[in-house]
N, C-alpha and C. Protein backbone atom coordinates (compact mmCIF):
# COMPACT_ATOMS: atom_id res chain seq x y z
N MET A 1 183.42 163.28 22.38
CA MET A 1 183.38 163.11 23.78
C MET A 1 184.00 163.68 25.53
N LYS A 2 185.63 164.12 24.86
CA LYS A 2 186.01 165.16 26.15
C LYS A 2 185.32 166.49 26.29
N ASN A 3 184.51 166.84 25.25
CA ASN A 3 183.63 168.25 25.53
C ASN A 3 182.70 167.66 26.81
N ASN A 4 182.30 166.64 25.92
CA ASN A 4 180.76 166.65 26.93
C ASN A 4 181.41 165.72 28.69
N LEU A 5 182.27 165.42 28.51
CA LEU A 5 182.90 165.46 30.03
C LEU A 5 182.96 166.68 30.75
N PHE A 6 184.13 167.20 30.04
CA PHE A 6 184.33 168.83 30.37
C PHE A 6 182.93 169.42 30.81
N TYR A 7 181.71 169.54 30.41
CA TYR A 7 180.90 170.35 30.30
C TYR A 7 179.92 169.26 31.62
N ILE A 8 180.10 168.03 32.24
CA ILE A 8 179.66 167.55 33.25
C ILE A 8 179.97 167.62 34.12
N LYS A 9 181.23 167.86 34.27
CA LYS A 9 182.19 168.22 35.12
C LYS A 9 181.74 169.82 35.81
N ILE A 10 181.73 170.47 34.87
CA ILE A 10 181.30 172.34 35.17
C ILE A 10 180.10 171.32 35.54
N ALA A 11 179.20 171.21 35.30
CA ALA A 11 177.39 171.34 35.65
C ALA A 11 177.50 170.33 37.52
N GLY A 12 178.80 169.76 37.36
CA GLY A 12 178.32 169.09 38.69
C GLY A 12 178.78 169.51 39.64
N SER A 13 180.22 170.21 39.28
CA SER A 13 180.97 171.42 40.07
C SER A 13 179.63 172.49 40.37
N ILE A 14 178.83 173.22 39.55
CA ILE A 14 178.13 174.34 39.53
C ILE A 14 177.04 173.79 41.16
N LEU A 15 176.79 172.08 40.56
CA LEU A 15 175.33 171.94 41.07
C LEU A 15 176.01 171.79 42.92
N ILE A 16 177.13 171.34 43.17
CA ILE A 16 177.67 170.76 44.41
C ILE A 16 178.71 172.93 44.92
N SER A 17 178.92 173.50 44.37
CA SER A 17 178.96 175.03 44.95
C SER A 17 177.14 175.02 45.59
N PHE A 18 176.63 175.10 44.60
CA PHE A 18 175.17 175.95 44.89
C PHE A 18 174.70 175.01 46.23
N THR A 19 175.10 173.73 46.22
CA THR A 19 174.30 173.19 47.53
C THR A 19 175.26 173.47 48.88
N VAL A 20 176.30 173.75 48.85
CA VAL A 20 176.93 174.12 49.50
C VAL A 20 176.56 175.77 49.88
N ALA A 21 176.76 176.62 49.23
CA ALA A 21 176.41 177.53 49.84
C ALA A 21 175.07 177.57 50.52
N THR A 22 174.24 176.92 49.66
CA THR A 22 172.52 176.66 50.42
C THR A 22 172.91 176.54 52.07
N ILE A 23 173.71 174.86 51.93
CA ILE A 23 173.99 174.79 53.59
C ILE A 23 174.53 175.68 54.67
N LEU A 24 175.56 176.83 53.71
CA LEU A 24 176.04 177.42 55.02
C LEU A 24 174.82 179.03 55.08
N THR A 25 174.44 179.03 54.01
CA THR A 25 172.88 180.05 54.48
C THR A 25 172.36 179.79 55.64
N ASN A 26 172.06 178.52 55.31
CA ASN A 26 170.63 177.55 56.41
C ASN A 26 171.16 177.20 57.71
N ILE A 27 172.71 177.15 58.06
CA ILE A 27 173.44 176.93 58.70
C ILE A 27 173.69 177.78 59.64
N VAL A 28 175.01 177.49 58.88
CA VAL A 28 176.12 178.40 59.51
C VAL A 28 175.62 179.99 60.05
N PHE A 29 175.47 180.82 58.42
CA PHE A 29 175.45 182.07 58.61
C PHE A 29 174.13 182.74 59.00
N VAL A 30 173.91 183.68 60.26
CA VAL A 30 172.24 184.37 60.63
C VAL A 30 171.77 184.35 59.19
N GLU A 31 170.13 184.59 58.98
CA GLU A 31 169.71 184.81 57.92
C GLU A 31 169.92 185.98 57.05
N ASN A 32 170.17 186.19 56.03
CA ASN A 32 170.34 187.68 55.37
C ASN A 32 171.03 188.44 56.18
N THR A 33 172.37 188.02 56.77
CA THR A 33 173.49 188.85 57.30
C THR A 33 174.99 187.96 57.05
N ILE A 34 176.10 188.81 57.68
CA ILE A 34 176.64 188.07 57.36
C ILE A 34 177.79 187.40 58.70
N GLY A 35 177.07 187.71 59.73
CA GLY A 35 177.35 187.43 60.89
C GLY A 35 176.85 186.13 61.01
N PHE A 36 177.98 185.32 61.60
CA PHE A 36 177.85 183.47 62.36
C PHE A 36 176.55 183.87 63.32
N ARG A 37 176.46 182.60 63.42
CA ARG A 37 175.30 182.18 64.53
C ARG A 37 176.28 181.85 65.83
N PRO A 38 175.50 182.28 66.61
CA PRO A 38 175.96 182.03 67.72
C PRO A 38 176.06 180.68 68.65
N SER A 39 175.51 179.64 68.22
CA SER A 39 175.42 177.98 68.31
C SER A 39 175.30 177.55 66.90
N ILE A 40 176.59 177.41 66.32
CA ILE A 40 176.65 177.03 65.01
C ILE A 40 176.34 174.97 65.07
N GLY A 41 177.20 174.72 66.18
CA GLY A 41 176.99 173.31 66.49
C GLY A 41 176.14 172.84 66.86
N LYS A 42 175.19 173.44 68.28
CA LYS A 42 174.14 173.39 67.81
C LYS A 42 173.34 172.87 66.90
N ASN A 43 173.15 174.15 66.37
CA ASN A 43 172.09 174.22 65.10
C ASN A 43 172.17 173.03 64.02
N LEU A 44 173.64 172.76 64.13
CA LEU A 44 174.12 171.91 63.39
C LEU A 44 173.64 170.46 63.63
N PHE A 45 173.51 169.85 64.87
CA PHE A 45 173.46 168.67 65.57
C PHE A 45 171.62 168.81 64.88
N MET A 46 170.52 169.75 65.45
CA MET A 46 169.69 169.61 65.61
C MET A 46 169.16 169.52 63.95
N LYS A 47 169.62 170.16 62.65
CA LYS A 47 169.40 170.09 61.57
C LYS A 47 169.81 168.61 61.13
N ILE A 48 171.18 168.10 61.89
CA ILE A 48 171.39 166.78 61.12
C ILE A 48 170.11 164.96 62.12
N SER A 49 169.70 165.74 63.50
CA SER A 49 169.21 165.10 63.89
C SER A 49 167.52 164.82 63.07
N GLN A 50 167.38 166.06 62.57
CA GLN A 50 165.73 166.29 62.20
C GLN A 50 165.78 165.37 61.11
N ILE A 51 166.93 165.50 60.50
CA ILE A 51 166.77 164.37 58.63
C ILE A 51 166.92 163.33 59.37
N VAL A 52 167.93 162.76 60.52
CA VAL A 52 168.02 161.15 60.70
C VAL A 52 166.25 160.59 61.50
N LEU A 53 165.64 161.46 62.40
CA LEU A 53 164.27 161.20 62.63
C LEU A 53 163.60 160.62 61.57
N SER A 54 163.31 162.26 60.33
CA SER A 54 162.62 161.55 59.56
C SER A 54 162.88 160.23 58.94
N ALA A 55 163.56 160.37 58.49
CA ALA A 55 163.58 159.12 57.62
C ALA A 55 164.00 157.67 58.81
N GLN A 56 163.74 158.18 59.28
CA GLN A 56 163.64 156.47 60.77
C GLN A 56 162.38 156.46 60.93
N LYS A 57 161.61 157.62 60.59
CA LYS A 57 160.26 157.29 60.89
C LYS A 57 159.56 157.15 59.63
N VAL A 58 159.80 157.69 58.51
CA VAL A 58 159.61 157.22 57.26
C VAL A 58 159.97 155.41 56.80
N ASN A 59 160.66 154.70 57.31
CA ASN A 59 161.09 153.52 57.34
C ASN A 59 160.57 152.31 58.71
N LYS A 60 160.26 152.91 59.27
CA LYS A 60 159.39 152.61 60.71
C LYS A 60 158.35 152.27 60.51
N SER A 61 157.18 152.89 59.65
CA SER A 61 156.11 152.76 59.17
C SER A 61 155.63 151.10 58.21
N SER A 62 155.98 149.79 58.77
CA SER A 62 155.76 148.94 57.40
C SER A 62 154.14 148.46 57.80
N LEU A 63 153.40 149.15 58.38
CA LEU A 63 152.13 148.60 58.07
C LEU A 63 151.31 149.23 57.20
N LYS A 64 150.44 148.19 56.72
CA LYS A 64 150.12 147.94 55.39
C LYS A 64 148.76 149.32 55.73
N GLY A 65 148.16 150.39 54.99
CA GLY A 65 147.81 151.67 54.97
C GLY A 65 147.80 152.73 56.28
N ILE A 66 149.02 152.39 56.82
CA ILE A 66 149.73 153.97 57.73
C ILE A 66 150.96 154.39 57.31
N TYR A 67 150.74 155.48 56.88
CA TYR A 67 151.82 156.61 56.39
C TYR A 67 152.05 156.96 57.20
N GLU A 68 153.42 157.16 57.04
CA GLU A 68 153.77 159.05 58.36
C GLU A 68 154.45 159.49 57.06
N LYS A 69 154.63 160.92 57.67
CA LYS A 69 154.79 162.12 56.68
C LYS A 69 155.05 163.21 57.18
N SER A 70 156.57 163.76 57.08
CA SER A 70 156.93 164.72 57.87
C SER A 70 157.92 165.53 57.23
N ASP A 71 157.79 166.82 57.31
CA ASP A 71 157.99 168.56 56.46
C ASP A 71 158.78 169.20 57.68
N PRO A 72 159.73 169.97 57.48
CA PRO A 72 160.82 171.13 58.48
C PRO A 72 159.32 171.27 59.42
N GLN A 73 158.25 171.80 58.89
CA GLN A 73 157.21 172.62 59.76
C GLN A 73 156.28 171.34 60.64
N PHE A 74 155.83 170.25 59.73
CA PHE A 74 155.39 169.82 60.78
C PHE A 74 155.52 167.82 60.16
N SER A 75 154.51 167.30 60.83
CA SER A 75 154.56 165.98 60.85
C SER A 75 153.45 164.95 60.87
N TYR A 76 153.02 164.45 60.07
CA TYR A 76 151.47 163.45 60.29
C TYR A 76 151.57 162.25 60.19
N ILE A 77 150.56 161.62 60.13
CA ILE A 77 150.81 160.38 60.35
C ILE A 77 149.45 160.25 58.98
N LEU A 78 149.10 159.73 58.23
CA LEU A 78 148.06 159.16 57.40
C LEU A 78 147.19 157.54 57.58
N LEU A 79 146.31 157.66 57.56
CA LEU A 79 145.50 156.62 58.25
C LEU A 79 144.47 155.96 57.01
N LYS A 80 144.68 155.30 56.29
CA LYS A 80 143.02 154.50 54.97
C LYS A 80 142.74 153.42 56.01
N GLU A 81 141.84 153.45 56.11
CA GLU A 81 141.27 153.11 56.97
C GLU A 81 141.40 151.84 56.25
N LYS A 82 140.50 151.50 54.81
CA LYS A 82 140.34 150.84 54.35
C LYS A 82 141.39 149.49 53.87
N GLU A 83 142.80 150.01 53.65
CA GLU A 83 143.93 149.59 53.73
C GLU A 83 144.28 148.48 54.79
N VAL A 84 143.97 148.65 55.95
CA VAL A 84 144.49 148.35 57.12
C VAL A 84 143.98 147.07 57.14
N GLU A 85 144.71 146.10 57.44
CA GLU A 85 144.17 144.92 58.74
C GLU A 85 144.08 145.02 59.90
N TRP A 86 142.83 144.90 60.78
CA TRP A 86 142.94 144.81 61.91
C TRP A 86 142.56 143.63 62.39
N SER A 87 143.36 144.06 63.70
CA SER A 87 142.30 143.13 65.19
C SER A 87 141.60 143.31 65.90
N GLN A 88 141.10 142.65 65.92
CA GLN A 88 139.54 142.98 67.29
C GLN A 88 139.86 142.46 68.84
N TYR A 89 139.82 142.94 70.26
CA TYR A 89 140.07 142.84 71.06
C TYR A 89 139.05 143.23 71.90
N GLU A 90 138.44 142.54 72.89
CA GLU A 90 137.14 142.72 73.51
C GLU A 90 137.61 142.59 74.54
N PHE A 91 137.88 143.79 75.67
CA PHE A 91 137.39 143.84 77.21
C PHE A 91 136.50 143.92 78.22
N ALA A 92 136.32 143.77 78.80
CA ALA A 92 134.95 143.80 79.81
C ALA A 92 135.46 144.67 81.40
N THR A 93 135.08 145.93 80.81
CA THR A 93 135.36 147.04 81.99
C THR A 93 133.83 147.48 82.60
N ASN A 94 134.25 147.81 84.05
CA ASN A 94 132.98 147.78 84.44
C ASN A 94 131.28 147.64 84.60
N GLY A 95 131.40 146.44 83.92
CA GLY A 95 130.22 144.87 83.59
C GLY A 95 129.83 145.62 82.21
N LYS A 96 130.90 146.27 81.26
CA LYS A 96 130.71 146.73 79.57
C LYS A 96 131.18 145.99 79.25
N ASN A 97 131.20 145.55 78.31
CA ASN A 97 132.06 145.20 77.08
C ASN A 97 132.66 145.82 75.81
N ILE A 98 133.81 146.32 75.77
CA ILE A 98 134.72 147.17 74.89
C ILE A 98 135.32 146.77 73.76
N THR A 99 134.99 146.82 72.33
CA THR A 99 135.36 146.14 71.21
C THR A 99 136.52 147.18 70.88
N ILE A 100 137.83 147.00 71.22
CA ILE A 100 139.04 147.84 69.70
C ILE A 100 139.36 147.46 68.96
N PHE A 101 139.20 148.08 68.13
CA PHE A 101 140.44 147.63 66.67
C PHE A 101 141.14 147.97 67.25
N VAL A 102 142.39 147.03 66.42
CA VAL A 102 144.34 147.83 66.44
C VAL A 102 144.65 146.98 65.34
N PRO A 103 145.80 147.83 64.44
CA PRO A 103 146.41 147.36 62.91
C PRO A 103 146.97 146.47 63.73
N LYS A 104 147.12 144.97 62.92
CA LYS A 104 147.46 143.89 62.98
C LYS A 104 149.25 143.86 63.17
N GLY A 105 150.17 143.31 64.47
CA GLY A 105 150.84 143.54 64.60
C GLY A 105 151.39 145.00 65.42
N GLU A 106 150.79 145.12 65.75
CA GLU A 106 150.24 146.23 67.00
C GLU A 106 150.20 145.81 68.21
N LEU A 107 150.39 146.09 69.31
CA LEU A 107 150.16 145.38 70.39
C LEU A 107 148.58 146.03 71.03
N PRO A 108 147.69 145.62 71.64
CA PRO A 108 146.64 146.61 72.16
C PRO A 108 146.91 146.99 73.22
N PRO A 109 146.01 148.04 73.48
CA PRO A 109 146.38 148.96 74.49
C PRO A 109 146.24 147.98 76.53
N PRO A 110 146.66 148.34 77.48
CA PRO A 110 146.25 147.82 78.77
C PRO A 110 145.20 148.18 79.12
N LYS A 111 144.83 146.53 79.22
CA LYS A 111 143.47 146.13 80.79
C LYS A 111 143.20 147.07 81.04
N LYS A 112 144.00 148.06 81.94
CA LYS A 112 143.39 149.52 83.12
C LYS A 112 142.70 150.19 82.37
N LEU A 113 142.89 150.65 80.87
CA LEU A 113 142.65 152.07 80.32
C LEU A 113 140.68 151.79 80.27
């Protein structure tokens, strides 16, 4: 039992040290050099804000059939039309009737558009 706990502690410490080294490589040091980044604080703030914003986007989309996904390089919205429940709005502009479908729970666009 003590041996298993010992090996778990060693594996955990190796995992933690690898994570710290990866974070230092990506945020503190300039890639593939031993030099420090001149704007460590700004770079760290940007990385943390990206993580927070991506977490907010994932939690924000609560509409059925609309999914928000993001990676460090890009983000996109996946819309599955057959899963979305739509609300229908009709507007009269320039003597023409226009029908607009908006996901339920979302506000329609202003009538001026």
